[in-house]
PDB file of N, CA and C in Angstrom:
ATOM      1  N   UNK A   1     -21.144  10.203  -4.197  1.00  0.00           N
ATOM      2  CA  UNK A   1     -19.892   9.726  -4.784  1.00  0.00           C
ATOM      3  C   UNK A   1     -19.256   8.720  -3.833  1.00  0.00           C
ATOM      4  N   UNK A   2     -18.855   7.626  -4.360  1.00  0.00           N
ATOM      5  CA  UNK A   2     -18.208   6.608  -3.546  1.00  0.00           C
ATOM      6  C   UNK A   2     -16.848   6.308  -4.151  1.00  0.00           C
ATOM      7  N   UNK A   3     -15.828   6.406  -3.323  1.00  0.00           N
ATOM      8  CA  UNK A   3     -14.475   6.147  -3.823  1.00  0.00           C
ATOM      9  C   UNK A   3     -13.801   5.120  -2.930  1.00  0.00           C
ATOM     10  N   UNK A   4     -12.983   4.312  -3.535  1.00  0.00           N
ATOM     11  CA  UNK A   4     -12.252   3.292  -2.792  1.00  0.00           C
ATOM     12  C   UNK A   4     -10.781   3.669  -2.770  1.00  0.00           C
ATOM     13  N   UNK A   5     -10.252   3.790  -1.557  1.00  0.00           N
ATOM     14  CA  UNK A   5      -8.833   4.126  -1.408  1.00  0.00           C
ATOM     15  C   UNK A   5      -8.159   2.945  -0.732  1.00  0.00           C
ATOM     16  N   UNK A   6      -7.149   2.422  -1.375  1.00  0.00           N
ATOM     17  CA  UNK A   6      -6.439   1.293  -0.785  1.00  0.00           C
ATOM     18  C   UNK A   6      -5.109   1.779  -0.225  1.00  0.00           C
ATOM     19  N   UNK A   7      -4.857   1.412   1.007  1.00  0.00           N
ATOM     20  CA  UNK A   7      -3.591   1.747   1.653  1.00  0.00           C
ATOM     21  C   UNK A   7      -2.971   0.432   2.101  1.00  0.00           C
ATOM     22  N   UNK A   8      -1.757   0.189   1.628  1.00  0.00           N
ATOM     23  CA  UNK A   8      -1.094  -1.070   1.969  1.00  0.00           C
ATOM     24  C   UNK A   8       0.093  -0.777   2.878  1.00  0.00           C
ATOM     25  N   UNK A   9       0.252  -1.594   3.885  1.00  0.00           N
ATOM     26  CA  UNK A   9       1.400  -1.500   4.775  1.00  0.00           C
ATOM     27  C   UNK A   9       2.301  -2.696   4.525  1.00  0.00           C
ATOM     28  N   UNK A  10       3.591  -2.434   4.345  1.00  0.00           N
ATOM     29  CA  UNK A  10       4.534  -3.519   4.125  1.00  0.00           C
ATOM     30  C   UNK A  10       5.545  -3.540   5.264  1.00  0.00           C
ATOM     31  N   UNK A  11       5.894  -4.737   5.670  1.00  0.00           N
ATOM     32  CA  UNK A  11       6.957  -4.876   6.660  1.00  0.00           C
ATOM     33  C   UNK A  11       8.294  -4.603   6.000  1.00  0.00           C
ATOM     34  N   UNK A  12       9.207  -4.030   6.763  1.00  0.00           N
ATOM     35  CA  UNK A  12      10.531  -3.739   6.208  1.00  0.00           C
ATOM     36  C   UNK A  12      11.257  -5.037   5.912  1.00  0.00           C
ATOM     37  N   UNK A  13      11.838  -5.122   4.731  1.00  0.00           N
ATOM     38  CA  UNK A  13      12.580  -6.314   4.340  1.00  0.00           C
ATOM     39  C   UNK A  13      13.861  -5.885   3.645  1.00  0.00           C
ATOM     40  N   UNK A  14      15.009  -6.302   4.147  1.00  0.00           N
ATOM     41  CA  UNK A  14      16.268  -5.894   3.504  1.00  0.00           C
ATOM     42  C   UNK A  14      16.424  -6.476   2.103  1.00  0.00           C
ATOM     43  N   UNK A  15      15.649  -7.490   1.775  1.00  0.00           N
ATOM     44  CA  UNK A  15      15.773  -8.103   0.444  1.00  0.00           C
ATOM     45  C   UNK A  15      14.754  -7.536  -0.540  1.00  0.00           C
ATOM     46  N   UNK A  16      14.177  -6.387  -0.210  1.00  0.00           N
ATOM     47  CA  UNK A  16      13.186  -5.817  -1.134  1.00  0.00           C
ATOM     48  C   UNK A  16      13.862  -5.434  -2.438  1.00  0.00           C
ATOM     49  N   UNK A  17      13.168  -5.654  -3.526  1.00  0.00           N
ATOM     50  CA  UNK A  17      13.754  -5.425  -4.851  1.00  0.00           C
ATOM     51  C   UNK A  17      13.446  -4.020  -5.338  1.00  0.00           C
ATOM     52  N   UNK A  18      14.122  -3.631  -6.408  1.00  0.00           N
ATOM     53  CA  UNK A  18      13.855  -2.318  -7.007  1.00  0.00           C
ATOM     54  C   UNK A  18      12.428  -2.279  -7.536  1.00  0.00           C
ATOM     55  N   UNK A  19      11.957  -3.402  -8.067  1.00  0.00           N
ATOM     56  CA  UNK A  19      10.581  -3.437  -8.568  1.00  0.00           C
ATOM     57  C   UNK A  19       9.584  -3.151  -7.454  1.00  0.00           C
ATOM     58  N   UNK A  20       9.852  -3.705  -6.278  1.00  0.00           N
ATOM     59  CA  UNK A  20       8.975  -3.442  -5.140  1.00  0.00           C
ATOM     60  C   UNK A  20       8.982  -1.981  -4.758  1.00  0.00           C
ATOM     61  N   UNK A  21      10.152  -1.346  -4.795  1.00  0.00           N
ATOM     62  CA  UNK A  21      10.250   0.081  -4.473  1.00  0.00           C
ATOM     63  C   UNK A  21       9.493   0.906  -5.504  1.00  0.00           C
ATOM     64  N   UNK A  22       9.653   0.556  -6.784  1.00  0.00           N
ATOM     65  CA  UNK A  22       8.939   1.295  -7.826  1.00  0.00           C
ATOM     66  C   UNK A  22       7.430   1.122  -7.677  1.00  0.00           C
ATOM     67  N   UNK A  23       7.023  -0.089  -7.340  1.00  0.00           N
ATOM     68  CA  UNK A  23       5.594  -0.350  -7.161  1.00  0.00           C
ATOM     69  C   UNK A  23       5.052   0.489  -6.006  1.00  0.00           C
ATOM     70  N   UNK A  24       5.819   0.586  -4.918  1.00  0.00           N
ATOM     71  CA  UNK A  24       5.384   1.394  -3.779  1.00  0.00           C
ATOM     72  C   UNK A  24       5.248   2.857  -4.169  1.00  0.00           C
ATOM     73  N   UNK A  25       6.210   3.371  -4.944  1.00  0.00           N
ATOM     74  CA  UNK A  25       6.145   4.779  -5.348  1.00  0.00           C
ATOM     75  C   UNK A  25       4.951   5.027  -6.257  1.00  0.00           C
ATOM     76  N   UNK A  26       4.698   4.119  -7.191  1.00  0.00           N
ATOM     77  CA  UNK A  26       3.546   4.288  -8.076  1.00  0.00           C
ATOM     78  C   UNK A  26       2.246   4.204  -7.288  1.00  0.00           C
ATOM     79  N   UNK A  27       2.197   3.288  -6.336  1.00  0.00           N
ATOM     80  CA  UNK A  27       0.997   3.158  -5.511  1.00  0.00           C
ATOM     81  C   UNK A  27       0.734   4.404  -4.698  1.00  0.00           C
ATOM     82  N   UNK A  28       1.777   4.987  -4.120  1.00  0.00           N
ATOM     83  CA  UNK A  28       1.565   6.186  -3.309  1.00  0.00           C
ATOM     84  C   UNK A  28       1.193   7.368  -4.195  1.00  0.00           C
ATOM     85  N   UNK A  29       1.749   7.428  -5.422  1.00  0.00           N
ATOM     86  CA  UNK A  29       1.348   8.497  -6.341  1.00  0.00           C
ATOM     87  C   UNK A  29      -0.118   8.338  -6.720  1.00  0.00           C
ATOM     88  N   UNK A  30      -0.537   7.106  -6.943  1.00  0.00           N
ATOM     89  CA  UNK A  30      -1.932   6.862  -7.303  1.00  0.00           C
ATOM     90  C   UNK A  30      -2.848   7.257  -6.146  1.00  0.00           C
ATOM     91  N   UNK A  31      -2.470   6.882  -4.917  1.00  0.00           N
ATOM     92  CA  UNK A  31      -3.291   7.234  -3.759  1.00  0.00           C
ATOM     93  C   UNK A  31      -3.342   8.741  -3.563  1.00  0.00           C
ATOM     94  N   UNK A  32      -2.211   9.432  -3.741  1.00  0.00           N
ATOM     95  CA  UNK A  32      -2.231  10.884  -3.561  1.00  0.00           C
ATOM     96  C   UNK A  32      -3.063  11.541  -4.655  1.00  0.00           C
ATOM     97  N   UNK A  33      -3.066  10.964  -5.859  1.00  0.00           N
ATOM     98  CA  UNK A  33      -3.927  11.488  -6.929  1.00  0.00           C
ATOM     99  C   UNK A  33      -5.391  11.360  -6.539  1.00  0.00           C
ATOM    100  N   UNK A  34      -5.781  10.188  -6.028  1.00  0.00           N
ATOM    101  CA  UNK A  34      -7.177   9.999  -5.628  1.00  0.00           C
ATOM    102  C   UNK A  34      -7.544  10.917  -4.478  1.00  0.00           C
ATOM    103  N   UNK A  35      -6.624  11.088  -3.513  1.00  0.00           N
ATOM    104  CA  UNK A  35      -6.918  11.973  -2.388  1.00  0.00           C
ATOM    105  C   UNK A  35      -7.101  13.408  -2.859  1.00  0.00           C
ATOM    106  N   UNK A  36      -6.255  13.866  -3.787  1.00  0.00           N
ATOM    107  CA  UNK A  36      -6.412  15.233  -4.282  1.00  0.00           C
ATOM    108  C   UNK A  36      -7.702  15.365  -5.093  1.00  0.00           C
ATOM    109  N   UNK A  37      -8.052  14.323  -5.840  1.00  0.00           N
ATOM    110  CA  UNK A  37      -9.306  14.350  -6.599  1.00  0.00           C
ATOM    111  C   UNK A  37     -10.506  14.428  -5.658  1.00  0.00           C
ATOM    112  N   UNK A  38     -10.475  13.638  -4.591  1.00  0.00           N
ATOM    113  CA  UNK A  38     -11.580  13.644  -3.625  1.00  0.00           C
ATOM    114  C   UNK A  38     -11.690  15.002  -2.947  1.00  0.00           C
ATOM    115  N   UNK A  39     -10.544  15.594  -2.563  1.00  0.00           N
ATOM    116  CA  UNK A  39     -10.613  16.898  -1.904  1.00  0.00           C
ATOM    117  C   UNK A  39     -11.120  17.962  -2.877  1.00  0.00           C
ATOM    118  N   UNK A  40     -10.738  17.861  -4.146  1.00  0.00           N
ATOM    119  CA  UNK A  40     -11.220  18.818  -5.152  1.00  0.00           C
ATOM    120  C   UNK A  40     -12.731  18.687  -5.330  1.00  0.00           C
ATOM    121  N   UNK A  41     -13.214  17.450  -5.432  1.00  0.00           N
ATOM    122  CA  UNK A  41     -14.655  17.245  -5.596  1.00  0.00           C
ATOM    123  C   UNK A  41     -15.414  17.685  -4.349  1.00  0.00           C
ATOM    124  N   UNK A  42     -14.834  17.473  -3.172  1.00  0.00           N
ATOM    125  CA  UNK A  42     -15.467  17.921  -1.933  1.00  0.00           C
ATOM    126  C   UNK A  42     -15.584  19.439  -1.926  1.00  0.00           C
ATOM    127  N   UNK A  43     -14.513  20.113  -2.361  1.00  0.00           N
ATOM    128  CA  UNK A  43     -14.546  21.576  -2.439  1.00  0.00           C
ATOM    129  C   UNK A  43     -15.619  22.043  -3.417  1.00  0.00           C
ATOM    130  N   UNK A  44     -15.720  21.380  -4.578  1.00  0.00           N
ATOM    131  CA  UNK A  44     -16.740  21.754  -5.560  1.00  0.00           C
ATOM    132  C   UNK A  44     -18.143  21.552  -4.996  1.00  0.00           C
ATOM    133  N   UNK A  45     -18.352  20.448  -4.271  1.00  0.00           N
ATOM    134  CA  UNK A  45     -19.666  20.204  -3.664  1.00  0.00           C
ATOM    135  C   UNK A  45     -19.987  21.268  -2.626  1.00  0.00           C
ATOM    136  N   UNK A  46     -18.983  21.656  -1.829  1.00  0.00           N
ATOM    137  CA  UNK A  46     -19.200  22.691  -0.816  1.00  0.00           C
ATOM    138  C   UNK A  46     -19.538  24.019  -1.481  1.00  0.00           C
ATOM    139  N   UNK A  47     -18.824  24.365  -2.551  1.00  0.00           N
ATOM    140  CA  UNK A  47     -19.091  25.620  -3.257  1.00  0.00           C
ATOM    141  C   UNK A  47     -20.489  25.599  -3.869  1.00  0.00           C
ATOM    142  N   UNK A  48     -20.888  24.467  -4.411  1.00  0.00           N
ATOM    143  CA  UNK A  48     -22.227  24.337  -4.993  1.00  0.00           C
ATOM    144  C   UNK A  48     -23.299  24.493  -3.913  1.00  0.00           C
ATOM    145  N   UNK A  49     -23.032  23.923  -2.737  1.00  0.00           N
ATOM    146  CA  UNK A  49     -23.987  24.025  -1.627  1.00  0.00           C
ATOM    147  C   UNK A  49     -24.096  25.469  -1.136  1.00  0.00           C
ATOM    148  N   UNK A  50     -22.978  26.183  -1.076  1.00  0.00           N
ATOM    149  CA  UNK A  50     -23.008  27.599  -0.678  1.00  0.00           C
ATOM    150  C   UNK A  50     -23.818  28.403  -1.680  1.00  0.00           C
ATOM    151  N   UNK A  51     -23.619  28.153  -2.964  1.00  0.00           N
ATOM    152  CA  UNK A  51     -24.407  28.844  -3.992  1.00  0.00           C
ATOM    153  C   UNK A  51     -25.896  28.561  -3.835  1.00  0.00           C
ATOM    154  N   UNK A  52     -26.222  27.319  -3.552  1.00  0.00           N
ATOM    155  CA  UNK A  52     -27.635  26.943  -3.389  1.00  0.00           C
ATOM    156  C   UNK A  52     -28.251  27.673  -2.204  1.00  0.00           C
ATOM    157  N   UNK A  53     -27.521  27.731  -1.078  1.00  0.00           N
ATOM    158  CA  UNK A  53     -28.034  28.403   0.120  1.00  0.00           C
ATOM    159  C   UNK A  53     -28.188  29.902  -0.140  1.00  0.00           C
ATOM    160  N   UNK A  54     -27.206  30.494  -0.810  1.00  0.00           N
ATOM    161  CA  UNK A  54     -27.290  31.932  -1.105  1.00  0.00           C
ATOM    162  C   UNK A  54     -28.457  32.222  -2.043  1.00  0.00           C
ATOM    163  N   UNK A  55     -28.691  31.364  -3.016  1.00  0.00           N
ATOM    164  CA  UNK A  55     -29.832  31.552  -3.922  1.00  0.00           C
ATOM    165  C   UNK A  55     -31.150  31.441  -3.169  1.00  0.00           C
ATOM    166  N   UNK A  56     -31.238  30.495  -2.232  1.00  0.00           N
ATOM    167  CA  UNK A  56     -32.451  30.353  -1.428  1.00  0.00           C
ATOM    168  C   UNK A  56     -32.658  31.576  -0.551  1.00  0.00           C
ATOM    169  N   UNK A  57     -31.573  32.125   0.006  1.00  0.00           N
ATOM    170  CA  UNK A  57     -31.690  33.294   0.870  1.00  0.00           C
ATOM    171  C   UNK A  57     -32.156  34.512   0.083  1.00  0.00           C
ATOM    172  N   UNK A  58     -31.672  34.678  -1.140  1.00  0.00           N
ATOM    173  CA  UNK A  58     -32.092  35.839  -1.935  1.00  0.00           C
ATOM    174  C   UNK A  58     -33.543  35.683  -2.392  1.00  0.00           C
ATOM    175  N   UNK A  59     -34.008  34.457  -2.598  1.00  0.00           N
ATOM    176  CA  UNK A  59     -35.408  34.243  -2.970  1.00  0.00           C
ATOM    177  C   UNK A  59     -36.332  34.569  -1.800  1.00  0.00           C
ATOM    178  N   UNK A  60     -35.879  34.275  -0.570  1.00  0.00           N
ATOM    179  CA  UNK A  60     -36.707  34.515   0.614  1.00  0.00           C
ATOM    180  C   UNK A  60     -36.853  35.998   0.915  1.00  0.00           C
ATOM    181  N   UNK A  61     -35.898  36.817   0.494  1.00  0.00           N
ATOM    182  CA  UNK A  61     -35.946  38.247   0.863  1.00  0.00           C
ATOM    183  C   UNK A  61     -36.825  39.052  -0.035  1.00  0.00           C
TER     184      UNK A  61
END
């Protein structure tokens, strides 16, 4: 699985508009969604790997 996560850094500007603030909030929500999705998929892969190892161990015995 290959995922692209974009993180943008903005310099502080006193003239930043409300649209810019909304865009930043939406961007951070999108990034946190992708991060939670990646961690969930990582957990599923780890659980699948544990099941595979346990199945191999029971076959060997």
